[in-house]
Amino acid sequence: RQQLSGYYFLFSFFMRPLHFLLGLLLSQSHYFISPVTSAGCYPGSFGLESVKLLLIYADTDSSWSSSVKRELEKTQAFDSIALFDGRTATPSLLELQKYQTALVWATGTGFRDAALLGDVLADYWDWGGAVIVAMFA
């Protein structure tokens, strides 16, 4: 039961900003939202024909990231969802540009190079990518 409570928290923690992001994508409006729910969402200039999501995580338990991916796939809101382990590497801007949205989080461990990841995400944002920064990232 305790595990289910934690799972529900994790799922609800990610779904609220994602529902907001989906609303932004559908309306094609440009918004900046409060750091309480996420660092920001900017739909950029991409269309809705193909929405690809990259999950950049730094988890002590890698099954959490797989669970998040599975639950997001069930929504059928994204054409593809990929995982990137931020504990071992930092994605390049070129890698990020394959996706329209990046969801970033950490639980109990740090990113390999948090400063570099922040710089790359800022460049991605400037390029027009959507960024959701969640728990401890």
N, C-alpha and C. Protein backbone atom coordinates (compact mmCIF):
# COMPACT_ATOMS: atom_id res chain seq x y z
N ARG A 1 0.82 -1.19 0.00
CA ARG A 1 0.00 0.00 0.00
C ARG A 1 0.86 1.26 0.00
N GLN A 2 1.95 1.24 0.76
CA GLN A 2 2.84 2.40 0.78
C GLN A 2 3.43 2.65 -0.60
N GLN A 3 3.78 1.58 -1.29
CA GLN A 3 4.34 1.72 -2.64
C GLN A 3 3.31 2.33 -3.58
N LEU A 4 2.05 1.92 -3.46
CA LEU A 4 1.00 2.48 -4.30
C LEU A 4 0.83 3.97 -4.03
N SER A 5 0.92 4.38 -2.76
CA SER A 5 0.79 5.79 -2.43
C SER A 5 1.91 6.59 -3.08
N GLY A 6 3.13 6.08 -3.01
CA GLY A 6 4.26 6.75 -3.64
C GLY A 6 4.09 6.81 -5.15
N TYR A 7 3.59 5.71 -5.72
CA TYR A 7 3.37 5.66 -7.17
C TYR A 7 2.31 6.68 -7.57
N TYR A 8 1.22 6.75 -6.79
CA TYR A 8 0.17 7.72 -7.09
C TYR A 8 0.73 9.14 -7.03
N PHE A 9 1.55 9.43 -6.01
CA PHE A 9 2.15 10.76 -5.90
C PHE A 9 3.00 11.05 -7.12
N LEU A 10 3.85 10.10 -7.51
CA LEU A 10 4.73 10.31 -8.66
C LEU A 10 3.90 10.55 -9.91
N PHE A 11 2.88 9.71 -10.11
CA PHE A 11 2.05 9.85 -11.30
C PHE A 11 1.34 11.20 -11.32
N SER A 12 0.72 11.59 -10.19
CA SER A 12 -0.02 12.85 -10.15
C SER A 12 0.92 14.04 -10.25
N PHE A 13 2.15 13.90 -9.74
CA PHE A 13 3.13 14.99 -9.81
C PHE A 13 3.47 15.32 -11.25
N PHE A 14 3.60 14.29 -12.08
CA PHE A 14 3.96 14.52 -13.48
C PHE A 14 2.75 14.84 -14.34
N MET A 15 1.59 14.32 -14.02
CA MET A 15 0.44 14.50 -14.89
C MET A 15 -0.07 15.93 -14.89
N ARG A 16 -0.01 16.62 -13.76
CA ARG A 16 -0.53 17.99 -13.73
C ARG A 16 0.21 18.89 -14.71
N PRO A 17 1.55 18.95 -14.66
CA PRO A 17 2.23 19.79 -15.66
C PRO A 17 2.05 19.28 -17.08
N LEU A 18 1.94 17.96 -17.26
CA LEU A 18 1.77 17.43 -18.61
C LEU A 18 0.40 17.77 -19.18
N HIS A 19 -0.64 17.73 -18.36
CA HIS A 19 -1.95 18.15 -18.84
C HIS A 19 -1.91 19.61 -19.26
N PHE A 20 -1.21 20.44 -18.48
CA PHE A 20 -1.09 21.84 -18.83
C PHE A 20 -0.34 21.99 -20.16
N LEU A 21 0.75 21.24 -20.30
CA LEU A 21 1.53 21.30 -21.53
C LEU A 21 0.69 20.87 -22.73
N LEU A 22 -0.07 19.80 -22.57
CA LEU A 22 -0.92 19.35 -23.68
C LEU A 22 -1.93 20.42 -24.07
N GLY A 23 -2.48 21.11 -23.07
CA GLY A 23 -3.39 22.21 -23.37
C GLY A 23 -2.71 23.30 -24.17
N LEU A 24 -1.45 23.59 -23.81
CA LEU A 24 -0.70 24.60 -24.55
C LEU A 24 -0.45 24.16 -25.98
N LEU A 25 -0.08 22.91 -26.14
CA LEU A 25 0.20 22.41 -27.48
C LEU A 25 -1.05 22.45 -28.35
N LEU A 26 -2.18 22.10 -27.76
CA LEU A 26 -3.42 22.08 -28.53
C LEU A 26 -3.87 23.48 -28.90
N SER A 27 -3.62 24.44 -28.03
CA SER A 27 -4.06 25.81 -28.32
C SER A 27 -3.02 26.58 -29.12
N GLN A 28 -1.77 26.06 -29.17
CA GLN A 28 -0.66 26.73 -29.85
C GLN A 28 -0.44 28.14 -29.29
N SER A 29 -0.76 28.33 -28.01
CA SER A 29 -0.52 29.62 -27.35
C SER A 29 0.85 29.61 -26.71
N HIS A 30 1.37 30.78 -26.40
CA HIS A 30 2.67 30.90 -25.76
C HIS A 30 2.48 31.37 -24.32
N TYR A 31 2.91 30.54 -23.38
CA TYR A 31 2.75 30.86 -21.97
C TYR A 31 4.04 30.59 -21.23
N PHE A 32 4.18 31.25 -20.11
CA PHE A 32 5.24 30.92 -19.16
C PHE A 32 4.52 30.64 -17.86
N ILE A 33 4.77 29.47 -17.27
CA ILE A 33 4.04 29.13 -16.05
C ILE A 33 4.96 29.17 -14.85
N SER A 34 4.37 29.23 -13.70
CA SER A 34 5.08 29.39 -12.44
C SER A 34 6.02 28.24 -12.14
N PRO A 35 7.15 28.52 -11.45
CA PRO A 35 8.07 27.45 -11.07
C PRO A 35 7.45 26.43 -10.13
N VAL A 36 6.28 26.75 -9.56
CA VAL A 36 5.64 25.80 -8.66
C VAL A 36 5.24 24.53 -9.40
N THR A 37 4.75 24.66 -10.63
CA THR A 37 4.35 23.48 -11.40
C THR A 37 5.42 23.04 -12.38
N SER A 38 6.20 23.97 -12.87
CA SER A 38 7.28 23.63 -13.80
C SER A 38 8.05 24.90 -14.11
N ALA A 39 9.20 24.74 -14.70
CA ALA A 39 10.01 25.91 -15.02
C ALA A 39 9.42 26.69 -16.18
N GLY A 40 8.67 26.03 -17.03
CA GLY A 40 8.06 26.74 -18.14
C GLY A 40 7.71 25.83 -19.27
N CYS A 41 6.76 26.26 -20.04
CA CYS A 41 6.35 25.50 -21.22
C CYS A 41 6.22 26.48 -22.37
N TYR A 42 6.85 26.18 -23.43
CA TYR A 42 6.77 27.04 -24.60
C TYR A 42 6.59 26.14 -25.81
N PRO A 43 5.44 26.19 -26.45
CA PRO A 43 5.18 25.23 -27.50
C PRO A 43 6.05 25.38 -28.74
N GLY A 44 6.73 26.50 -28.89
CA GLY A 44 7.60 26.66 -30.05
C GLY A 44 6.80 26.69 -31.34
N SER A 45 7.44 26.33 -32.42
CA SER A 45 6.78 26.42 -33.72
C SER A 45 6.46 25.06 -34.32
N PHE A 46 6.60 23.99 -33.53
CA PHE A 46 6.34 22.67 -34.09
C PHE A 46 4.84 22.41 -34.14
N GLY A 47 4.43 21.54 -35.06
CA GLY A 47 3.03 21.20 -35.21
C GLY A 47 2.65 20.03 -34.32
N LEU A 48 1.40 19.67 -34.34
CA LEU A 48 0.90 18.59 -33.50
C LEU A 48 0.93 17.24 -34.20
N GLU A 49 1.38 17.18 -35.43
CA GLU A 49 1.37 15.91 -36.15
C GLU A 49 2.24 14.87 -35.45
N SER A 50 3.33 15.32 -34.86
CA SER A 50 4.27 14.38 -34.27
C SER A 50 4.87 15.00 -33.01
N VAL A 51 4.33 14.63 -31.86
CA VAL A 51 4.85 15.15 -30.59
C VAL A 51 5.71 14.07 -29.96
N LYS A 52 6.99 14.37 -29.83
CA LYS A 52 7.95 13.43 -29.25
C LYS A 52 8.43 14.00 -27.93
N LEU A 53 8.49 13.12 -26.92
CA LEU A 53 8.85 13.51 -25.56
C LEU A 53 10.12 12.80 -25.13
N LEU A 54 11.05 13.54 -24.53
CA LEU A 54 12.25 12.96 -23.96
C LEU A 54 12.19 13.12 -22.45
N LEU A 55 12.31 12.01 -21.73
CA LEU A 55 12.33 12.02 -20.28
C LEU A 55 13.78 11.97 -19.83
N ILE A 56 14.28 13.05 -19.25
CA ILE A 56 15.65 13.11 -18.75
C ILE A 56 15.57 12.96 -17.24
N TYR A 57 16.13 11.90 -16.71
CA TYR A 57 15.96 11.59 -15.29
C TYR A 57 17.29 11.31 -14.61
N ALA A 58 17.27 11.45 -13.29
CA ALA A 58 18.39 11.03 -12.45
C ALA A 58 17.76 10.39 -11.22
N ASP A 59 17.41 9.12 -11.34
CA ASP A 59 16.73 8.36 -10.28
C ASP A 59 17.66 7.34 -9.66
N THR A 60 17.52 7.15 -8.35
CA THR A 60 18.25 6.07 -7.72
C THR A 60 17.63 4.73 -8.09
N ASP A 61 16.34 4.73 -8.35
CA ASP A 61 15.63 3.51 -8.75
C ASP A 61 15.17 3.68 -10.20
N SER A 62 15.84 3.01 -11.11
CA SER A 62 15.53 3.20 -12.54
C SER A 62 14.15 2.69 -12.93
N SER A 63 13.51 1.90 -12.08
CA SER A 63 12.17 1.43 -12.42
C SER A 63 11.15 2.58 -12.38
N TRP A 64 11.45 3.64 -11.65
CA TRP A 64 10.53 4.79 -11.61
C TRP A 64 10.41 5.43 -12.98
N SER A 65 11.53 5.63 -13.64
CA SER A 65 11.48 6.27 -14.96
C SER A 65 10.73 5.40 -15.96
N SER A 66 10.93 4.10 -15.86
CA SER A 66 10.19 3.18 -16.75
C SER A 66 8.70 3.23 -16.46
N SER A 67 8.33 3.36 -15.18
CA SER A 67 6.91 3.46 -14.81
C SER A 67 6.30 4.74 -15.35
N VAL A 68 7.02 5.84 -15.24
CA VAL A 68 6.52 7.12 -15.76
C VAL A 68 6.32 7.01 -17.27
N LYS A 69 7.29 6.42 -17.95
CA LYS A 69 7.18 6.26 -19.41
C LYS A 69 5.96 5.42 -19.77
N ARG A 70 5.77 4.29 -19.07
CA ARG A 70 4.62 3.42 -19.35
C ARG A 70 3.30 4.16 -19.16
N GLU A 71 3.19 4.92 -18.06
CA GLU A 71 1.94 5.63 -17.80
C GLU A 71 1.68 6.73 -18.84
N LEU A 72 2.72 7.40 -19.25
CA LEU A 72 2.56 8.43 -20.28
C LEU A 72 2.19 7.82 -21.63
N GLU A 73 2.74 6.66 -21.93
CA GLU A 73 2.38 5.96 -23.18
C GLU A 73 0.91 5.59 -23.19
N LYS A 74 0.36 5.27 -22.03
CA LYS A 74 -1.06 4.91 -21.94
C LYS A 74 -1.97 6.08 -22.34
N THR A 75 -1.50 7.30 -22.17
CA THR A 75 -2.32 8.46 -22.53
C THR A 75 -2.47 8.61 -24.04
N GLN A 76 -1.56 8.03 -24.80
CA GLN A 76 -1.53 8.11 -26.26
C GLN A 76 -1.45 9.56 -26.75
N ALA A 77 -0.89 10.43 -25.92
CA ALA A 77 -0.77 11.84 -26.27
C ALA A 77 0.52 12.14 -27.03
N PHE A 78 1.45 11.19 -27.04
CA PHE A 78 2.74 11.41 -27.66
C PHE A 78 3.00 10.33 -28.70
N ASP A 79 3.64 10.72 -29.79
CA ASP A 79 4.00 9.73 -30.81
C ASP A 79 5.11 8.82 -30.33
N SER A 80 6.03 9.40 -29.58
CA SER A 80 7.10 8.57 -29.01
C SER A 80 7.60 9.20 -27.72
N ILE A 81 8.06 8.34 -26.83
CA ILE A 81 8.62 8.76 -25.55
C ILE A 81 9.92 8.01 -25.37
N ALA A 82 10.98 8.75 -25.10
CA ALA A 82 12.30 8.13 -24.91
C ALA A 82 12.84 8.50 -23.53
N LEU A 83 13.68 7.62 -23.01
CA LEU A 83 14.33 7.84 -21.72
C LEU A 83 15.78 8.22 -21.92
N PHE A 84 16.27 9.13 -21.07
CA PHE A 84 17.68 9.51 -21.09
C PHE A 84 18.16 9.56 -19.65
N ASP A 85 19.15 8.74 -19.30
CA ASP A 85 19.68 8.68 -17.94
C ASP A 85 20.67 9.82 -17.72
N GLY A 86 20.23 10.85 -17.02
CA GLY A 86 21.06 12.02 -16.77
C GLY A 86 22.15 11.79 -15.75
N ARG A 87 22.16 10.63 -15.09
CA ARG A 87 23.23 10.31 -14.13
C ARG A 87 24.52 9.98 -14.85
N THR A 88 24.41 9.46 -16.06
CA THR A 88 25.59 8.96 -16.76
C THR A 88 26.07 9.85 -17.90
N ALA A 89 25.20 10.72 -18.39
CA ALA A 89 25.57 11.57 -19.54
C ALA A 89 24.67 12.80 -19.57
N THR A 90 25.01 13.73 -20.44
CA THR A 90 24.21 14.93 -20.67
C THR A 90 23.85 14.96 -22.15
N PRO A 91 22.56 15.12 -22.47
CA PRO A 91 22.20 15.16 -23.89
C PRO A 91 22.73 16.43 -24.56
N SER A 92 23.07 16.32 -25.81
CA SER A 92 23.51 17.49 -26.57
C SER A 92 22.28 18.21 -27.11
N LEU A 93 22.47 19.44 -27.56
CA LEU A 93 21.37 20.18 -28.17
C LEU A 93 20.86 19.43 -29.40
N LEU A 94 21.75 18.85 -30.16
CA LEU A 94 21.36 18.09 -31.35
C LEU A 94 20.46 16.91 -30.97
N GLU A 95 20.78 16.22 -29.88
CA GLU A 95 19.93 15.11 -29.42
C GLU A 95 18.57 15.62 -28.98
N LEU A 96 18.54 16.73 -28.25
CA LEU A 96 17.28 17.29 -27.77
C LEU A 96 16.38 17.76 -28.91
N GLN A 97 16.98 18.24 -29.98
CA GLN A 97 16.20 18.78 -31.09
C GLN A 97 15.41 17.72 -31.85
N LYS A 98 15.60 16.46 -31.52
CA LYS A 98 14.80 15.38 -32.10
C LYS A 98 13.42 15.30 -31.44
N TYR A 99 13.24 16.04 -30.33
CA TYR A 99 12.03 15.99 -29.53
C TYR A 99 11.42 17.39 -29.42
N GLN A 100 10.11 17.44 -29.23
CA GLN A 100 9.44 18.72 -29.05
C GLN A 100 9.37 19.11 -27.58
N THR A 101 9.47 18.13 -26.69
CA THR A 101 9.31 18.37 -25.25
C THR A 101 10.33 17.56 -24.48
N ALA A 102 10.87 18.18 -23.42
CA ALA A 102 11.76 17.48 -22.50
C ALA A 102 11.20 17.62 -21.09
N LEU A 103 11.03 16.49 -20.41
CA LEU A 103 10.61 16.46 -19.01
C LEU A 103 11.81 16.04 -18.19
N VAL A 104 12.21 16.86 -17.22
CA VAL A 104 13.45 16.64 -16.47
C VAL A 104 13.13 16.49 -14.99
N TRP A 105 13.69 15.45 -14.35
CA TRP A 105 13.52 15.29 -12.90
C TRP A 105 14.65 14.47 -12.31
N ALA A 106 14.77 14.59 -11.00
CA ALA A 106 15.76 13.81 -10.25
C ALA A 106 15.14 13.40 -8.92
N THR A 107 15.49 12.23 -8.44
CA THR A 107 15.04 11.77 -7.13
C THR A 107 16.21 11.12 -6.41
N GLY A 108 16.74 11.79 -5.45
CA GLY A 108 17.76 11.20 -4.58
C GLY A 108 19.17 11.13 -5.15
N THR A 109 19.37 11.51 -6.36
CA THR A 109 20.71 11.49 -6.94
C THR A 109 20.85 12.69 -7.87
N GLY A 110 22.05 13.00 -8.25
CA GLY A 110 22.25 14.17 -9.09
C GLY A 110 22.53 13.81 -10.54
N PHE A 111 22.48 14.82 -11.36
CA PHE A 111 22.83 14.66 -12.77
C PHE A 111 24.34 14.61 -12.91
N ARG A 112 24.81 14.01 -13.97
CA ARG A 112 26.25 13.91 -14.20
C ARG A 112 26.90 15.30 -14.20
N ASP A 113 26.30 16.23 -14.94
CA ASP A 113 26.79 17.61 -14.98
C ASP A 113 25.57 18.54 -15.03
N ALA A 114 25.08 18.91 -13.85
CA ALA A 114 23.85 19.70 -13.76
C ALA A 114 23.99 21.06 -14.45
N ALA A 115 25.14 21.69 -14.33
CA ALA A 115 25.34 23.01 -14.96
C ALA A 115 25.28 22.89 -16.48
N LEU A 116 25.94 21.88 -17.02
CA LEU A 116 25.91 21.67 -18.47
C LEU A 116 24.50 21.34 -18.94
N LEU A 117 23.79 20.50 -18.18
CA LEU A 117 22.41 20.16 -18.53
C LEU A 117 21.55 21.42 -18.56
N GLY A 118 21.72 22.29 -17.56
CA GLY A 118 20.97 23.54 -17.54
C GLY A 118 21.26 24.41 -18.75
N ASP A 119 22.54 24.47 -19.14
CA ASP A 119 22.91 25.26 -20.32
C ASP A 119 22.30 24.69 -21.60
N VAL A 120 22.35 23.37 -21.73
CA VAL A 120 21.79 22.72 -22.92
C VAL A 120 20.27 22.91 -22.97
N LEU A 121 19.60 22.78 -21.82
CA LEU A 121 18.15 22.98 -21.79
C LEU A 121 17.79 24.43 -22.11
N ALA A 122 18.61 25.38 -21.67
CA ALA A 122 18.36 26.79 -22.01
C ALA A 122 18.49 27.02 -23.51
N ASP A 123 19.49 26.40 -24.12
CA ASP A 123 19.64 26.50 -25.58
C ASP A 123 18.46 25.84 -26.30
N TYR A 124 18.01 24.71 -25.77
CA TYR A 124 16.86 23.99 -26.33
C TYR A 124 15.61 24.87 -26.24
N TRP A 125 15.42 25.51 -25.10
CA TRP A 125 14.29 26.43 -24.90
C TRP A 125 14.35 27.57 -25.92
N ASP A 126 15.54 28.15 -26.07
CA ASP A 126 15.71 29.25 -27.03
C ASP A 126 15.43 28.79 -28.46
N TRP A 127 15.74 27.54 -28.76
CA TRP A 127 15.48 26.95 -30.07
C TRP A 127 13.98 26.79 -30.31
N GLY A 128 13.20 26.65 -29.23
CA GLY A 128 11.75 26.51 -29.35
C GLY A 128 11.20 25.24 -28.73
N GLY A 129 12.04 24.48 -28.04
CA GLY A 129 11.58 23.26 -27.39
C GLY A 129 10.84 23.57 -26.10
N ALA A 130 9.93 22.70 -25.73
CA ALA A 130 9.19 22.83 -24.47
C ALA A 130 9.96 22.10 -23.38
N VAL A 131 10.06 22.72 -22.21
CA VAL A 131 10.80 22.14 -21.09
C VAL A 131 9.91 22.11 -19.87
N ILE A 132 9.80 20.94 -19.24
CA ILE A 132 9.11 20.80 -17.96
C ILE A 132 10.16 20.37 -16.96
N VAL A 133 10.38 21.19 -15.95
CA VAL A 133 11.33 20.84 -14.90
C VAL A 133 10.52 20.44 -13.68
N ALA A 134 10.73 19.21 -13.22
CA ALA A 134 9.96 18.68 -12.11
C ALA A 134 10.87 18.45 -10.90
N MET A 135 10.41 17.64 -10.01
CA MET A 135 11.00 17.36 -8.72
C MET A 135 12.53 17.33 -8.69
N PHE A 136 13.13 18.17 -7.88
CA PHE A 136 14.56 18.22 -7.54
C PHE A 136 15.49 18.43 -8.74
N ALA A 137 14.99 18.76 -9.88
CA ALA A 137 15.86 18.91 -11.06
C ALA A 137 16.61 20.23 -11.03
